[in-house]
Structure formats: C-alpha cells, structure tokens
C-alpha cells in the first residue's frame, strides 16, 4: 500500500512564524531606512557626510556579524569533517545491512535455529547469527586475577559460530569456533589484539585464561583465535581488551539475533 505524508502545520505555529518573519523583515529593512532618511540628498551630493555618533555602534554590529558568519563557516567545516570521519572510520566490522532483532531476554539456541530455518530460504537474507548483545546495547565487563594474582579486566561478548563471518571480522591468528569440535563452546574463546598486547601474551594461541568467569566456566578457557581489533564503544575511547565466548551458560545469553540482509533488499 502506497501512502502519502502531508504536513499540516499547527495554526499557532504558522502564525508565530509568520509574525516572526514580519518583525525580522521590518527591523532588517526599517533601521537602514531610518538612518538613510536623516541625510539630505543635496548635502550628500555636495561631499562627504558626517555620520552621527551611532557610527561606532554600526561598525560594531558589522564586526559582530562578520564574526558570527566566520564562526558558522568554521562550525560547518568541523561538522562536515566529523560526519566524514564517522562514515569512513574502519570499525573492525561491517555494519551495513545488518539488522539486530532484540530477543527480549528469551533467546535460546533453539529459537535461533528456528529463526534461521524460517529466514534463510528467502533470497533477501544472506546470513543469521546470534549474540549476547548487539554493539548498540553494550557488553559485559569482567574482572579477575590470573594464576599469578595479577588483576585483569576485559569486556565479554556472547557469540556463535557465524558471528565473525556475518559481522565481517578478521581473524589474524588461530581459528574460529568449529561446529565439528564439541568442546569449543565450553572450553574455547576468542580474544582481540588489544588483549594480547596488554596482557603480554607472546604465544596467544593455546593460552589458558586462568581465573576468567568461574561462575559459568568450569575450567579456565583456552584461547583458540585472535580477532582484529573492533570498536564496541565510543570512538572517543581506545579499544579495550575483549573476549568472545560461546558458552551456553554465559549470563549474557542470546540477547539479539543478527540478520544480514542482501544489498538492495
């Protein structure tokens, strides 16, 4: 069904804007007219005319006007640069054509599979994955102590087998979660580059993250891959350590189903 949206302004708003327009027009045109009417045409033609004592006031208005104009132009340029930065910044993942369907806290692997089976037959759908949160809804920050008693902290994200592919994330070392390895969801995790750097992991693949999330991890998980850094907070904040888990008891659960829509659909 095709619908047309017609804008009908509020009567009070319309009258107010009209009145404002009239007042501005009168002030803008009336003041110069009053000033010019004080000059005698014969005197103006004879030679230079001395302005009244308000000349300095008028010069001040001109200076203020030019200053405001320059400020507006500078602001326009800065806003344009900010918009260009936001649109072109590499976030470490592909956000285009990804729809986040919030589950309302009732997400489960069975629900995701049901959703997948119902949608993947459609030509407009490219892929489906589940996540603890979409990036617009944040994540969980977990603190712990490693085997040497050193305090550690990282962000945690619940993902599934297809999360990296759907989001266009890059593995720079190791491997992704494998459906053929039944132990991956409960004993394997992925980490980002920042975690490797901040924790000083010389050999990150196979490294056990001792003490991480013991309330749902029965054993300390083993890192199976390193994901290229991706932004999950404001761009004002540098990327922080992050761990991606598939554990079924992860308290974030499945908060969102991510649907990759084909371009043009």
C-alpha atoms as a PDB file:
ATOM      1  CA  UNK A   1       0.000   0.000   0.000  1.00  0.00           C
ATOM      2  CA  UNK A   2       1.349   3.391  -1.018  1.00  0.00           C
ATOM      3  CA  UNK A   3       0.755   6.235   1.405  1.00  0.00           C
ATOM      4  CA  UNK A   4       1.403   9.956   1.196  1.00  0.00           C
ATOM      5  CA  UNK A   5       2.501  12.002   4.175  1.00  0.00           C
ATOM      6  CA  UNK A   6       1.008  15.515   4.200  1.00  0.00           C
ATOM      7  CA  UNK A   7       2.422  18.105   6.599  1.00  0.00           C
ATOM      8  CA  UNK A   8      -0.275  20.361   8.021  1.00  0.00           C
ATOM      9  CA  UNK A   9       1.338  22.956  10.306  1.00  0.00           C
ATOM     10  CA  UNK A  10      -0.257  23.909  13.583  1.00  0.00           C
ATOM     11  CA  UNK A  11      -2.195  27.189  13.292  1.00  0.00           C
ATOM     12  CA  UNK A  12      -0.420  28.816  16.265  1.00  0.00           C
ATOM     13  CA  UNK A  13       2.981  27.730  14.959  1.00  0.00           C
ATOM     14  CA  UNK A  14       2.170  29.070  11.498  1.00  0.00           C
ATOM     15  CA  UNK A  15       1.014  32.439  12.862  1.00  0.00           C
ATOM     16  CA  UNK A  16       4.031  32.664  15.144  1.00  0.00           C
ATOM     17  CA  UNK A  17       6.499  32.005  12.339  1.00  0.00           C
ATOM     18  CA  UNK A  18       4.693  34.474  10.085  1.00  0.00           C
ATOM     19  CA  UNK A  19       4.803  37.140  12.792  1.00  0.00           C
ATOM     20  CA  UNK A  20       8.494  36.493  13.407  1.00  0.00           C
ATOM     21  CA  UNK A  21       9.202  36.804   9.686  1.00  0.00           C
ATOM     22  CA  UNK A  22       7.362  40.142   9.527  1.00  0.00           C
ATOM     23  CA  UNK A  23       9.182  41.531  12.583  1.00  0.00           C
ATOM     24  CA  UNK A  24      12.609  40.474  11.292  1.00  0.00           C
ATOM     25  CA  UNK A  25      11.846  41.976   7.882  1.00  0.00           C
ATOM     26  CA  UNK A  26      10.728  45.271   9.423  1.00  0.00           C
ATOM     27  CA  UNK A  27      13.769  45.509  11.698  1.00  0.00           C
ATOM     28  CA  UNK A  28      16.221  44.496   8.961  1.00  0.00           C
ATOM     29  CA  UNK A  29      14.786  46.919   6.427  1.00  0.00           C
ATOM     30  CA  UNK A  30      13.448  49.640   8.695  1.00  0.00           C
ATOM     31  CA  UNK A  31      16.605  50.582  10.595  1.00  0.00           C
ATOM     32  CA  UNK A  32      18.737  51.278   7.481  1.00  0.00           C
ATOM     33  CA  UNK A  33      15.790  53.229   6.008  1.00  0.00           C
ATOM     34  CA  UNK A  34      15.510  55.407   9.121  1.00  0.00           C
ATOM     35  CA  UNK A  35      19.262  56.123   9.112  1.00  0.00           C
ATOM     36  CA  UNK A  36      19.324  56.986   5.421  1.00  0.00           C
ATOM     37  CA  UNK A  37      16.263  59.218   5.739  1.00  0.00           C
ATOM     38  CA  UNK A  38      18.228  61.552   8.024  1.00  0.00           C
ATOM     39  CA  UNK A  39      20.602  62.531   5.246  1.00  0.00           C
ATOM     40  CA  UNK A  40      19.692  65.396   2.918  1.00  0.00           C
ATOM     41  CA  UNK A  41      20.192  64.428  -0.750  1.00  0.00           C
ATOM     42  CA  UNK A  42      21.692  67.856  -1.577  1.00  0.00           C
ATOM     43  CA  UNK A  43      24.243  67.550   1.226  1.00  0.00           C
ATOM     44  CA  UNK A  44      25.167  64.023   0.171  1.00  0.00           C
ATOM     45  CA  UNK A  45      25.806  65.162  -3.407  1.00  0.00           C
ATOM     46  CA  UNK A  46      27.977  68.074  -2.259  1.00  0.00           C
ATOM     47  CA  UNK A  47      30.530  65.906  -0.490  1.00  0.00           C
ATOM     48  CA  UNK A  48      31.348  63.622   2.464  1.00  0.00           C
ATOM     49  CA  UNK A  49      28.661  63.368   5.075  1.00  0.00           C
ATOM     50  CA  UNK A  50      29.488  63.119   8.747  1.00  0.00           C
ATOM     51  CA  UNK A  51      27.768  60.224  10.396  1.00  0.00           C
ATOM     52  CA  UNK A  52      26.127  60.580  13.732  1.00  0.00           C
ATOM     53  CA  UNK A  53      27.552  59.298  16.974  1.00  0.00           C
ATOM     54  CA  UNK A  54      25.990  55.939  16.292  1.00  0.00           C
ATOM     55  CA  UNK A  55      28.599  55.203  13.613  1.00  0.00           C
ATOM     56  CA  UNK A  56      30.753  53.253  16.061  1.00  0.00           C
ATOM     57  CA  UNK A  57      27.713  51.238  17.102  1.00  0.00           C
ATOM     58  CA  UNK A  58      27.002  50.294  13.488  1.00  0.00           C
ATOM     59  CA  UNK A  59      30.638  49.350  12.908  1.00  0.00           C
ATOM     60  CA  UNK A  60      30.415  47.154  15.973  1.00  0.00           C
ATOM     61  CA  UNK A  61      27.342  45.429  14.584  1.00  0.00           C
ATOM     62  CA  UNK A  62      29.168  44.763  11.325  1.00  0.00           C
ATOM     63  CA  UNK A  63      32.126  43.260  13.197  1.00  0.00           C
ATOM     64  CA  UNK A  64      29.813  41.034  15.222  1.00  0.00           C
ATOM     65  CA  UNK A  65      28.014  39.965  12.062  1.00  0.00           C
ATOM     66  CA  UNK A  66      31.273  39.022  10.333  1.00  0.00           C
ATOM     67  CA  UNK A  67      32.492  37.194  13.445  1.00  0.00           C
ATOM     68  CA  UNK A  68      29.276  35.169  13.621  1.00  0.00           C
ATOM     69  CA  UNK A  69      29.491  34.376   9.914  1.00  0.00           C
ATOM     70  CA  UNK A  70      33.089  33.156  10.262  1.00  0.00           C
ATOM     71  CA  UNK A  71      32.122  31.093  13.310  1.00  0.00           C
ATOM     72  CA  UNK A  72      29.239  29.472  11.415  1.00  0.00           C
ATOM     73  CA  UNK A  73      31.516  28.645   8.474  1.00  0.00           C
ATOM     74  CA  UNK A  74      34.120  27.091  10.768  1.00  0.00           C
ATOM     75  CA  UNK A  75      31.393  25.093  12.535  1.00  0.00           C
ATOM     76  CA  UNK A  76      30.064  23.855   9.191  1.00  0.00           C
ATOM     77  CA  UNK A  77      33.521  22.651   8.157  1.00  0.00           C
ATOM     78  CA  UNK A  78      34.081  20.890  11.501  1.00  0.00           C
ATOM     79  CA  UNK A  79      30.684  19.168  11.371  1.00  0.00           C
ATOM     80  CA  UNK A  80      31.410  18.019   7.827  1.00  0.00           C
ATOM     81  CA  UNK A  81      34.752  16.568   8.933  1.00  0.00           C
ATOM     82  CA  UNK A  82      33.092  14.773  11.864  1.00  0.00           C
ATOM     83  CA  UNK A  83      30.397  13.260   9.639  1.00  0.00           C
ATOM     84  CA  UNK A  84      33.023  12.128   7.147  1.00  0.00           C
ATOM     85  CA  UNK A  85      35.068  10.575   9.972  1.00  0.00           C
ATOM     86  CA  UNK A  86      32.059   8.668  11.306  1.00  0.00           C
ATOM     87  CA  UNK A  87      31.078   7.396   7.869  1.00  0.00           C
ATOM     88  CA  UNK A  88      34.580   6.329   6.772  1.00  0.00           C
ATOM     89  CA  UNK A  89      36.152   5.131  10.036  1.00  0.00           C
ATOM     90  CA  UNK A  90      37.116   1.446   9.997  1.00  0.00           C
ATOM     91  CA  UNK A  91      35.257  -0.034  12.967  1.00  0.00           C
ATOM     92  CA  UNK A  92      36.710  -3.516  12.534  1.00  0.00           C
ATOM     93  CA  UNK A  93      33.392  -4.947  11.387  1.00  0.00           C
ATOM     94  CA  UNK A  94      30.821  -4.402   8.644  1.00  0.00           C
ATOM     95  CA  UNK A  95      27.727  -2.656   9.945  1.00  0.00           C
ATOM     96  CA  UNK A  96      25.915  -2.184   6.627  1.00  0.00           C
ATOM     97  CA  UNK A  97      22.775  -4.269   6.026  1.00  0.00           C
ATOM     98  CA  UNK A  98      22.866  -5.871   9.494  1.00  0.00           C
ATOM     99  CA  UNK A  99      19.568  -5.893  11.391  1.00  0.00           C
ATOM    100  CA  UNK A 100      19.665  -6.568  15.152  1.00  0.00           C
ATOM    101  CA  UNK A 101      16.488  -8.275  16.361  1.00  0.00           C
ATOM    102  CA  UNK A 102      16.286  -7.976  20.152  1.00  0.00           C
ATOM    103  CA  UNK A 103      15.001 -11.178  21.785  1.00  0.00           C
ATOM    104  CA  UNK A 104      13.741  -9.559  24.978  1.00  0.00           C
ATOM    105  CA  UNK A 105      15.772 -11.984  27.096  1.00  0.00           C
ATOM    106  CA  UNK A 106      14.060 -15.139  25.810  1.00  0.00           C
ATOM    107  CA  UNK A 107      16.761 -16.043  23.293  1.00  0.00           C
ATOM    108  CA  UNK A 108      17.956 -19.639  23.087  1.00  0.00           C
ATOM    109  CA  UNK A 109      19.906 -21.744  20.556  1.00  0.00           C
ATOM    110  CA  UNK A 110      16.661 -23.489  19.601  1.00  0.00           C
ATOM    111  CA  UNK A 111      14.998 -20.132  18.924  1.00  0.00           C
ATOM    112  CA  UNK A 112      17.922 -19.034  16.760  1.00  0.00           C
ATOM    113  CA  UNK A 113      17.784 -22.246  14.724  1.00  0.00           C
ATOM    114  CA  UNK A 114      14.041 -21.828  14.252  1.00  0.00           C
ATOM    115  CA  UNK A 115      14.637 -18.258  13.101  1.00  0.00           C
ATOM    116  CA  UNK A 116      17.450 -19.401  10.806  1.00  0.00           C
ATOM    117  CA  UNK A 117      15.354 -22.126   9.169  1.00  0.00           C
ATOM    118  CA  UNK A 118      12.468 -19.710   8.618  1.00  0.00           C
ATOM    119  CA  UNK A 119      14.506 -16.914   7.054  1.00  0.00           C
ATOM    120  CA  UNK A 120      17.442 -18.409   5.186  1.00  0.00           C
ATOM    121  CA  UNK A 121      15.163 -19.732   2.446  1.00  0.00           C
ATOM    122  CA  UNK A 122      14.433 -16.146   1.464  1.00  0.00           C
ATOM    123  CA  UNK A 123      16.656 -14.669  -1.223  1.00  0.00           C
ATOM    124  CA  UNK A 124      16.895 -11.355   0.620  1.00  0.00           C
ATOM    125  CA  UNK A 125      18.609 -12.940   3.674  1.00  0.00           C
ATOM    126  CA  UNK A 126      22.351 -13.609   3.452  1.00  0.00           C
ATOM    127  CA  UNK A 127      23.160 -14.918   6.947  1.00  0.00           C
ATOM    128  CA  UNK A 128      21.923 -15.184  10.529  1.00  0.00           C
ATOM    129  CA  UNK A 129      23.866 -15.280  13.809  1.00  0.00           C
ATOM    130  CA  UNK A 130      23.174 -14.811  17.497  1.00  0.00           C
ATOM    131  CA  UNK A 131      24.877 -12.578  20.045  1.00  0.00           C
ATOM    132  CA  UNK A 132      24.688 -11.764  23.723  1.00  0.00           C
ATOM    133  CA  UNK A 133      24.228  -8.115  22.753  1.00  0.00           C
ATOM    134  CA  UNK A 134      24.269  -6.088  19.600  1.00  0.00           C
ATOM    135  CA  UNK A 135      27.026  -3.479  19.806  1.00  0.00           C
ATOM    136  CA  UNK A 136      24.393  -0.783  20.281  1.00  0.00           C
ATOM    137  CA  UNK A 137      23.381  -2.482  23.545  1.00  0.00           C
ATOM    138  CA  UNK A 138      26.903  -2.822  25.000  1.00  0.00           C
ATOM    139  CA  UNK A 139      28.515  -5.868  26.598  1.00  0.00           C
ATOM    140  CA  UNK A 140      29.727  -7.200  29.957  1.00  0.00           C
ATOM    141  CA  UNK A 141      32.918  -6.197  31.712  1.00  0.00           C
ATOM    142  CA  UNK A 142      34.568  -8.969  33.721  1.00  0.00           C
ATOM    143  CA  UNK A 143      37.414  -8.594  36.227  1.00  0.00           C
ATOM    144  CA  UNK A 144      39.518 -11.417  37.664  1.00  0.00           C
ATOM    145  CA  UNK A 145      43.010 -12.421  38.815  1.00  0.00           C
ATOM    146  CA  UNK A 146      45.260 -14.664  36.775  1.00  0.00           C
ATOM    147  CA  UNK A 147      47.287 -17.559  38.142  1.00  0.00           C
ATOM    148  CA  UNK A 148      49.934 -15.152  39.457  1.00  0.00           C
ATOM    149  CA  UNK A 149      47.407 -12.948  41.239  1.00  0.00           C
ATOM    150  CA  UNK A 150      47.688 -10.147  38.670  1.00  0.00           C
ATOM    151  CA  UNK A 151      44.408  -8.187  38.271  1.00  0.00           C
ATOM    152  CA  UNK A 152      42.890  -8.487  34.804  1.00  0.00           C
ATOM    153  CA  UNK A 153      39.845  -6.937  33.159  1.00  0.00           C
ATOM    154  CA  UNK A 154      38.152  -7.343  29.778  1.00  0.00           C
ATOM    155  CA  UNK A 155      34.839  -6.959  28.003  1.00  0.00           C
ATOM    156  CA  UNK A 156      32.906 -10.126  27.176  1.00  0.00           C
ATOM    157  CA  UNK A 157      30.618 -10.818  24.223  1.00  0.00           C
ATOM    158  CA  UNK A 158      28.464 -13.874  23.625  1.00  0.00           C
ATOM    159  CA  UNK A 159      28.684 -15.052  20.005  1.00  0.00           C
ATOM    160  CA  UNK A 160      28.026 -18.124  17.864  1.00  0.00           C
ATOM    161  CA  UNK A 161      29.734 -19.972  15.009  1.00  0.00           C
ATOM    162  CA  UNK A 162      28.609 -17.487  12.334  1.00  0.00           C
ATOM    163  CA  UNK A 163      29.152 -14.242  14.222  1.00  0.00           C
ATOM    164  CA  UNK A 164      32.566 -13.339  12.774  1.00  0.00           C
ATOM    165  CA  UNK A 165      31.543 -14.078   9.192  1.00  0.00           C
ATOM    166  CA  UNK A 166      28.280 -12.154   9.445  1.00  0.00           C
ATOM    167  CA  UNK A 167      29.980  -9.116  11.010  1.00  0.00           C
ATOM    168  CA  UNK A 168      32.905  -9.243   8.582  1.00  0.00           C
ATOM    169  CA  UNK A 169      35.514  -9.544  11.338  1.00  0.00           C
ATOM    170  CA  UNK A 170      39.038 -10.731  10.590  1.00  0.00           C
ATOM    171  CA  UNK A 171      40.956 -13.476  12.356  1.00  0.00           C
ATOM    172  CA  UNK A 172      44.635 -12.583  12.404  1.00  0.00           C
ATOM    173  CA  UNK A 173      45.755 -15.744  14.213  1.00  0.00           C
ATOM    174  CA  UNK A 174      44.342 -19.127  15.151  1.00  0.00           C
ATOM    175  CA  UNK A 175      40.871 -20.254  14.099  1.00  0.00           C
ATOM    176  CA  UNK A 176      37.170 -19.581  14.592  1.00  0.00           C
ATOM    177  CA  UNK A 177      34.753 -21.743  16.591  1.00  0.00           C
ATOM    178  CA  UNK A 178      34.227 -25.067  14.816  1.00  0.00           C
ATOM    179  CA  UNK A 179      30.897 -26.925  14.699  1.00  0.00           C
ATOM    180  CA  UNK A 180      32.817 -30.202  14.414  1.00  0.00           C
ATOM    181  CA  UNK A 181      34.543 -29.664  17.766  1.00  0.00           C
ATOM    182  CA  UNK A 182      32.040 -30.179  20.557  1.00  0.00           C
ATOM    183  CA  UNK A 183      34.370 -28.738  23.217  1.00  0.00           C
ATOM    184  CA  UNK A 184      34.727 -25.320  21.561  1.00  0.00           C
ATOM    185  CA  UNK A 185      31.620 -23.705  23.116  1.00  0.00           C
ATOM    186  CA  UNK A 186      32.534 -24.673  26.688  1.00  0.00           C
ATOM    187  CA  UNK A 187      36.328 -24.521  26.676  1.00  0.00           C
ATOM    188  CA  UNK A 188      37.379 -22.189  23.844  1.00  0.00           C
ATOM    189  CA  UNK A 189      37.319 -18.399  23.498  1.00  0.00           C
ATOM    190  CA  UNK A 190      38.490 -15.748  21.068  1.00  0.00           C
ATOM    191  CA  UNK A 191      40.358 -12.587  22.103  1.00  0.00           C
ATOM    192  CA  UNK A 192      41.128  -9.296  20.399  1.00  0.00           C
ATOM    193  CA  UNK A 193      44.528  -7.784  19.565  1.00  0.00           C
ATOM    194  CA  UNK A 194      44.412  -5.340  22.461  1.00  0.00           C
ATOM    195  CA  UNK A 195      44.046  -8.140  24.999  1.00  0.00           C
ATOM    196  CA  UNK A 196      47.091  -9.911  23.558  1.00  0.00           C
ATOM    197  CA  UNK A 197      49.108  -6.708  23.734  1.00  0.00           C
ATOM    198  CA  UNK A 198      48.012  -5.540  27.194  1.00  0.00           C
ATOM    199  CA  UNK A 199      48.342  -8.999  28.752  1.00  0.00           C
ATOM    200  CA  UNK A 200      51.741  -9.503  27.130  1.00  0.00           C
ATOM    201  CA  UNK A 201      50.864 -12.851  25.500  1.00  0.00           C
ATOM    202  CA  UNK A 202      53.808 -13.926  23.354  1.00  0.00           C
ATOM    203  CA  UNK A 203      52.019 -17.102  22.238  1.00  0.00           C
ATOM    204  CA  UNK A 204      48.299 -16.268  22.464  1.00  0.00           C
ATOM    205  CA  UNK A 205      47.017 -19.367  20.628  1.00  0.00           C
ATOM    206  CA  UNK A 206      46.570 -22.119  23.201  1.00  0.00           C
ATOM    207  CA  UNK A 207      46.983 -19.716  26.121  1.00  0.00           C
ATOM    208  CA  UNK A 208      44.704 -20.539  29.061  1.00  0.00           C
ATOM    209  CA  UNK A 209      42.966 -17.511  30.576  1.00  0.00           C
ATOM    210  CA  UNK A 210      43.208 -18.622  34.184  1.00  0.00           C
ATOM    211  CA  UNK A 211      40.547 -17.306  36.560  1.00  0.00           C
ATOM    212  CA  UNK A 212      38.235 -15.864  33.887  1.00  0.00           C
ATOM    213  CA  UNK A 213      34.475 -16.039  34.632  1.00  0.00           C
ATOM    214  CA  UNK A 214      34.498 -19.017  37.051  1.00  0.00           C
ATOM    215  CA  UNK A 215      30.737 -18.661  37.708  1.00  0.00           C
ATOM    216  CA  UNK A 216      29.970 -20.246  34.335  1.00  0.00           C
ATOM    217  CA  UNK A 217      33.336 -21.615  33.146  1.00  0.00           C
ATOM    218  CA  UNK A 218      34.022 -24.924  34.924  1.00  0.00           C
ATOM    219  CA  UNK A 219      37.603 -24.794  33.647  1.00  0.00           C
ATOM    220  CA  UNK A 220      39.735 -21.867  32.575  1.00  0.00           C
ATOM    221  CA  UNK A 221      39.120 -21.385  28.843  1.00  0.00           C
ATOM    222  CA  UNK A 222      41.756 -21.756  26.157  1.00  0.00           C
ATOM    223  CA  UNK A 223      42.229 -19.078  23.528  1.00  0.00           C
ATOM    224  CA  UNK A 224      41.789 -20.523  20.026  1.00  0.00           C
ATOM    225  CA  UNK A 225      41.992 -17.334  17.918  1.00  0.00           C
ATOM    226  CA  UNK A 226      42.844 -13.626  17.805  1.00  0.00           C
ATOM    227  CA  UNK A 227      40.344 -11.218  16.239  1.00  0.00           C
ATOM    228  CA  UNK A 228      41.458  -7.946  14.696  1.00  0.00           C
ATOM    229  CA  UNK A 229      40.505  -5.066  16.985  1.00  0.00           C
ATOM    230  CA  UNK A 230      36.947  -3.794  16.572  1.00  0.00           C
ATOM    231  CA  UNK A 231      35.176  -0.799  18.125  1.00  0.00           C
ATOM    232  CA  UNK A 232      32.423  -1.628  20.586  1.00  0.00           C
ATOM    233  CA  UNK A 233      32.420   1.682  22.478  1.00  0.00           C
ATOM    234  CA  UNK A 234      32.512   5.349  21.571  1.00  0.00           C
ATOM    235  CA  UNK A 235      35.271   6.345  19.165  1.00  0.00           C
ATOM    236  CA  UNK A 236      36.480   8.707  21.895  1.00  0.00           C
ATOM    237  CA  UNK A 237      37.576   5.602  23.843  1.00  0.00           C
ATOM    238  CA  UNK A 238      40.511   3.426  22.702  1.00  0.00           C
ATOM    239  CA  UNK A 239      39.728  -0.242  22.042  1.00  0.00           C
ATOM    240  CA  UNK A 240      39.926  -2.282  25.259  1.00  0.00           C
ATOM    241  CA  UNK A 241      40.592  -5.994  25.833  1.00  0.00           C
ATOM    242  CA  UNK A 242      37.708  -8.224  24.744  1.00  0.00           C
ATOM    243  CA  UNK A 243      36.874 -11.937  24.957  1.00  0.00           C
ATOM    244  CA  UNK A 244      34.299 -13.680  22.753  1.00  0.00           C
ATOM    245  CA  UNK A 245      32.642 -16.792  24.181  1.00  0.00           C
ATOM    246  CA  UNK A 246      30.082 -19.354  23.040  1.00  0.00           C
ATOM    247  CA  UNK A 247      29.481 -20.901  26.447  1.00  0.00           C
ATOM    248  CA  UNK A 248      25.777 -21.851  26.811  1.00  0.00           C
ATOM    249  CA  UNK A 249      25.763 -20.654  30.433  1.00  0.00           C
ATOM    250  CA  UNK A 250      27.204 -17.228  29.649  1.00  0.00           C
ATOM    251  CA  UNK A 251      24.997 -14.908  31.702  1.00  0.00           C
ATOM    252  CA  UNK A 252      24.539 -12.515  28.793  1.00  0.00           C
ATOM    253  CA  UNK A 253      22.699 -15.269  26.925  1.00  0.00           C
ATOM    254  CA  UNK A 254      21.305 -14.593  23.472  1.00  0.00           C
ATOM    255  CA  UNK A 255      20.090 -11.012  23.615  1.00  0.00           C
ATOM    256  CA  UNK A 256      19.995 -10.379  19.870  1.00  0.00           C
ATOM    257  CA  UNK A 257      19.609 -12.246  16.597  1.00  0.00           C
ATOM    258  CA  UNK A 258      21.667 -10.608  13.847  1.00  0.00           C
ATOM    259  CA  UNK A 259      20.263 -10.811  10.317  1.00  0.00           C
ATOM    260  CA  UNK A 260      22.430  -9.964   7.316  1.00  0.00           C
ATOM    261  CA  UNK A 261      20.240  -8.588   4.541  1.00  0.00           C
ATOM    262  CA  UNK A 262      21.444  -8.658   0.942  1.00  0.00           C
ATOM    263  CA  UNK A 263      22.096  -5.225  -0.590  1.00  0.00           C
ATOM    264  CA  UNK A 264      19.097  -3.817  -2.404  1.00  0.00           C
ATOM    265  CA  UNK A 265      16.543  -5.840  -0.464  1.00  0.00           C
END
